Amino acid sequence: MSDVFIKSGEQPRCFAFSGVTSTAIVANSSPIYKESPYGAFQAIVTGTGSVTGTILIQVTNETDTFNGINANWITMGTIALAGTTTATDGFTTICPWRYVRASVTAISASSVIEVIMCV
């Protein structure tokens, strides 16, 4: 019997949101142009002991918001994390928003959050 391989196109491309990986800092990432309606979002918090974090995935179609002139971001989803030394969660979407960013709204002391988007 021979092997059969099914290929459905390119592998997803993944992007880490910059500006939100600092320790114990509430911050917004730099926005990213989202080139596909499909998206998978994952957040990871690491630290010592009990770790927590809350991350908003925010979107807009407005170029002026992407460029920092306006602040018309809409929350598409919320990722709440809690665990011991590490925790991760995420979600997938099919949405044609043009721009996306991550907003860390809460993080436990001495923890680091990483947020990744794959399209």
C-alpha atoms as a PDB file:
ATOM      1  CA  MET A   1       0.000   0.000   0.000  1.00  0.00           C
ATOM      2  CA  SER A   2       1.364   3.431  -0.912  1.00  0.00           C
ATOM      3  CA  ASP A   3       1.196   6.606   1.148  1.00  0.00           C
ATOM      4  CA  VAL A   4      -1.362   9.231   0.211  1.00  0.00           C
ATOM      5  CA  PHE A   5      -0.740  12.919   0.978  1.00  0.00           C
ATOM      6  CA  ILE A   6      -3.455  15.556   0.832  1.00  0.00           C
ATOM      7  CA  LYS A   7      -2.295  19.120   0.370  1.00  0.00           C
ATOM      8  CA  SER A   8      -4.759  21.990   0.718  1.00  0.00           C
ATOM      9  CA  GLY A   9      -2.531  24.954  -0.055  1.00  0.00           C
ATOM     10  CA  GLU A  10       0.083  26.811   1.916  1.00  0.00           C
ATOM     11  CA  GLN A  11       0.846  26.286   5.568  1.00  0.00           C
ATOM     12  CA  PRO A  12      -0.545  29.017   7.821  1.00  0.00           C
ATOM     13  CA  ARG A  13       1.706  32.005   8.374  1.00  0.00           C
ATOM     14  CA  CYS A  14       2.028  33.068  11.992  1.00  0.00           C
ATOM     15  CA  PHE A  15       2.773  36.489  13.456  1.00  0.00           C
ATOM     16  CA  ALA A  16       3.626  37.405  17.043  1.00  0.00           C
ATOM     17  CA  PHE A  17       2.061  40.674  18.170  1.00  0.00           C
ATOM     18  CA  SER A  18       4.888  43.031  19.128  1.00  0.00           C
ATOM     19  CA  GLY A  19       4.684  45.271  22.164  1.00  0.00           C
ATOM     20  CA  VAL A  20       2.822  42.908  24.494  1.00  0.00           C
ATOM     21  CA  THR A  21       5.545  40.455  25.562  1.00  0.00           C
ATOM     22  CA  SER A  22       6.972  42.587  28.364  1.00  0.00           C
ATOM     23  CA  THR A  23       6.763  41.392  31.945  1.00  0.00           C
ATOM     24  CA  ALA A  24       3.727  42.542  33.928  1.00  0.00           C
ATOM     25  CA  ILE A  25       2.837  45.457  31.633  1.00  0.00           C
ATOM     26  CA  VAL A  26      -0.673  46.275  30.430  1.00  0.00           C
ATOM     27  CA  ALA A  27      -0.257  47.376  26.790  1.00  0.00           C
ATOM     28  CA  ASN A  28      -1.574  47.349  23.235  1.00  0.00           C
ATOM     29  CA  SER A  29       0.404  45.653  20.494  1.00  0.00           C
ATOM     30  CA  SER A  30       1.369  47.210  17.222  1.00  0.00           C
ATOM     31  CA  PRO A  31      -1.466  46.506  14.774  1.00  0.00           C
ATOM     32  CA  ILE A  32      -1.061  43.937  12.017  1.00  0.00           C
ATOM     33  CA  TYR A  33      -2.617  43.946   8.546  1.00  0.00           C
ATOM     34  CA  LYS A  34      -4.745  40.783   8.413  1.00  0.00           C
ATOM     35  CA  GLU A  35      -4.464  39.459   4.871  1.00  0.00           C
ATOM     36  CA  SER A  36      -6.919  36.561   5.188  1.00  0.00           C
ATOM     37  CA  PRO A  37     -10.463  36.266   6.535  1.00  0.00           C
ATOM     38  CA  TYR A  38      -9.322  33.162   8.424  1.00  0.00           C
ATOM     39  CA  GLY A  39      -7.462  33.543  11.696  1.00  0.00           C
ATOM     40  CA  ALA A  40      -6.304  31.562  14.696  1.00  0.00           C
ATOM     41  CA  PHE A  41      -5.355  33.484  17.830  1.00  0.00           C
ATOM     42  CA  GLN A  42      -3.402  32.054  20.761  1.00  0.00           C
ATOM     43  CA  ALA A  43      -2.210  33.684  23.970  1.00  0.00           C
ATOM     44  CA  ILE A  44       0.340  32.198  26.354  1.00  0.00           C
ATOM     45  CA  VAL A  45       1.211  33.401  29.847  1.00  0.00           C
ATOM     46  CA  THR A  46       4.285  32.098  31.696  1.00  0.00           C
ATOM     47  CA  GLY A  47       5.785  32.891  35.064  1.00  0.00           C
ATOM     48  CA  THR A  48       6.333  31.438  38.505  1.00  0.00           C
ATOM     49  CA  GLY A  49       3.530  30.259  40.743  1.00  0.00           C
ATOM     50  CA  SER A  50       0.025  31.403  39.873  1.00  0.00           C
ATOM     51  CA  VAL A  51      -0.173  33.174  36.496  1.00  0.00           C
ATOM     52  CA  THR A  52      -3.091  35.073  34.985  1.00  0.00           C
ATOM     53  CA  GLY A  53      -3.741  37.320  32.039  1.00  0.00           C
ATOM     54  CA  THR A  54      -6.561  38.847  30.019  1.00  0.00           C
ATOM     55  CA  ILE A  55      -6.068  39.656  26.356  1.00  0.00           C
ATOM     56  CA  LEU A  56      -8.499  41.379  23.996  1.00  0.00           C
ATOM     57  CA  ILE A  57      -8.178  40.687  20.279  1.00  0.00           C
ATOM     58  CA  GLN A  58      -9.308  43.936  18.652  1.00  0.00           C
ATOM     59  CA  VAL A  59     -10.089  44.706  15.005  1.00  0.00           C
ATOM     60  CA  THR A  60     -10.866  47.600  12.683  1.00  0.00           C
ATOM     61  CA  ASN A  61     -11.342  48.283   8.978  1.00  0.00           C
ATOM     62  CA  GLU A  62     -10.314  51.929   9.314  1.00  0.00           C
ATOM     63  CA  THR A  63      -6.876  52.871   8.026  1.00  0.00           C
ATOM     64  CA  ASP A  64      -6.674  55.930  10.330  1.00  0.00           C
ATOM     65  CA  THR A  65      -7.113  53.670  13.369  1.00  0.00           C
ATOM     66  CA  PHE A  66      -4.404  51.319  12.039  1.00  0.00           C
ATOM     67  CA  ASN A  67      -2.100  54.342  11.609  1.00  0.00           C
ATOM     68  CA  GLY A  68      -2.773  55.604  15.153  1.00  0.00           C
ATOM     69  CA  ILE A  69      -4.794  58.694  14.164  1.00  0.00           C
ATOM     70  CA  ASN A  70      -8.099  57.335  15.537  1.00  0.00           C
ATOM     71  CA  ALA A  71      -8.879  54.751  18.223  1.00  0.00           C
ATOM     72  CA  ASN A  72     -11.865  52.930  16.713  1.00  0.00           C
ATOM     73  CA  TRP A  73     -10.955  49.394  17.762  1.00  0.00           C
ATOM     74  CA  ILE A  74     -13.704  46.765  18.231  1.00  0.00           C
ATOM     75  CA  THR A  75     -13.181  43.787  20.537  1.00  0.00           C
ATOM     76  CA  MET A  76     -13.579  40.625  18.467  1.00  0.00           C
ATOM     77  CA  GLY A  77     -12.738  38.215  21.288  1.00  0.00           C
ATOM     78  CA  THR A  78     -11.346  37.899  24.798  1.00  0.00           C
ATOM     79  CA  ILE A  79      -8.800  35.335  25.993  1.00  0.00           C
ATOM     80  CA  ALA A  80      -8.699  34.784  29.768  1.00  0.00           C
ATOM     81  CA  LEU A  81      -5.736  32.816  31.102  1.00  0.00           C
ATOM     82  CA  ALA A  82      -5.088  31.266  34.517  1.00  0.00           C
ATOM     83  CA  GLY A  83      -2.763  28.487  35.627  1.00  0.00           C
ATOM     84  CA  THR A  84       0.334  27.443  37.517  1.00  0.00           C
ATOM     85  CA  THR A  85       3.582  28.542  35.787  1.00  0.00           C
ATOM     86  CA  THR A  86       1.874  28.594  32.352  1.00  0.00           C
ATOM     87  CA  ALA A  87      -1.525  28.809  30.686  1.00  0.00           C
ATOM     88  CA  THR A  88      -2.699  29.063  27.095  1.00  0.00           C
ATOM     89  CA  ASP A  89      -5.971  29.460  25.213  1.00  0.00           C
ATOM     90  CA  GLY A  90      -7.235  30.823  21.950  1.00  0.00           C
ATOM     91  CA  PHE A  91      -9.914  30.840  19.286  1.00  0.00           C
ATOM     92  CA  THR A  92     -10.408  30.738  15.532  1.00  0.00           C
ATOM     93  CA  THR A  93     -12.415  33.094  13.336  1.00  0.00           C
ATOM     94  CA  ILE A  94     -13.606  33.643   9.822  1.00  0.00           C
ATOM     95  CA  CYS A  95     -13.880  37.405   9.610  1.00  0.00           C
ATOM     96  CA  PRO A  96     -12.783  39.872   6.923  1.00  0.00           C
ATOM     97  CA  TRP A  97     -11.433  42.585   9.254  1.00  0.00           C
ATOM     98  CA  ARG A  98      -8.436  44.374   7.698  1.00  0.00           C
ATOM     99  CA  TYR A  99      -6.425  45.171  10.832  1.00  0.00           C
ATOM    100  CA  VAL A 100      -5.976  43.414  14.179  1.00  0.00           C
ATOM    101  CA  ARG A 101      -4.108  44.034  17.427  1.00  0.00           C
ATOM    102  CA  ALA A 102      -3.758  42.421  20.849  1.00  0.00           C
ATOM    103  CA  SER A 103      -4.519  44.393  23.992  1.00  0.00           C
ATOM    104  CA  VAL A 104      -3.267  43.006  27.302  1.00  0.00           C
ATOM    105  CA  THR A 105      -5.684  44.397  29.885  1.00  0.00           C
ATOM    106  CA  ALA A 106      -4.519  42.371  32.911  1.00  0.00           C
ATOM    107  CA  ILE A 107      -1.413  40.353  33.789  1.00  0.00           C
ATOM    108  CA  SER A 108      -0.105  38.885  37.027  1.00  0.00           C
ATOM    109  CA  ALA A 109       3.162  40.135  38.501  1.00  0.00           C
ATOM    110  CA  SER A 110       6.356  38.551  37.139  1.00  0.00           C
ATOM    111  CA  SER A 111       4.501  37.018  34.209  1.00  0.00           C
ATOM    112  CA  VAL A 112       5.122  37.288  30.460  1.00  0.00           C
ATOM    113  CA  ILE A 113       2.396  37.153  27.810  1.00  0.00           C
ATOM    114  CA  GLU A 114       2.884  36.218  24.161  1.00  0.00           C
ATOM    115  CA  VAL A 115       0.073  36.553  21.595  1.00  0.00           C
ATOM    116  CA  ILE A 116       0.248  34.874  18.180  1.00  0.00           C
ATOM    117  CA  MET A 117      -2.002  35.082  15.098  1.00  0.00           C
ATOM    118  CA  CYS A 118      -1.907  32.575  12.241  1.00  0.00           C
ATOM    119  CA  VAL A 119      -3.663  33.186   8.916  1.00  0.00           C
END
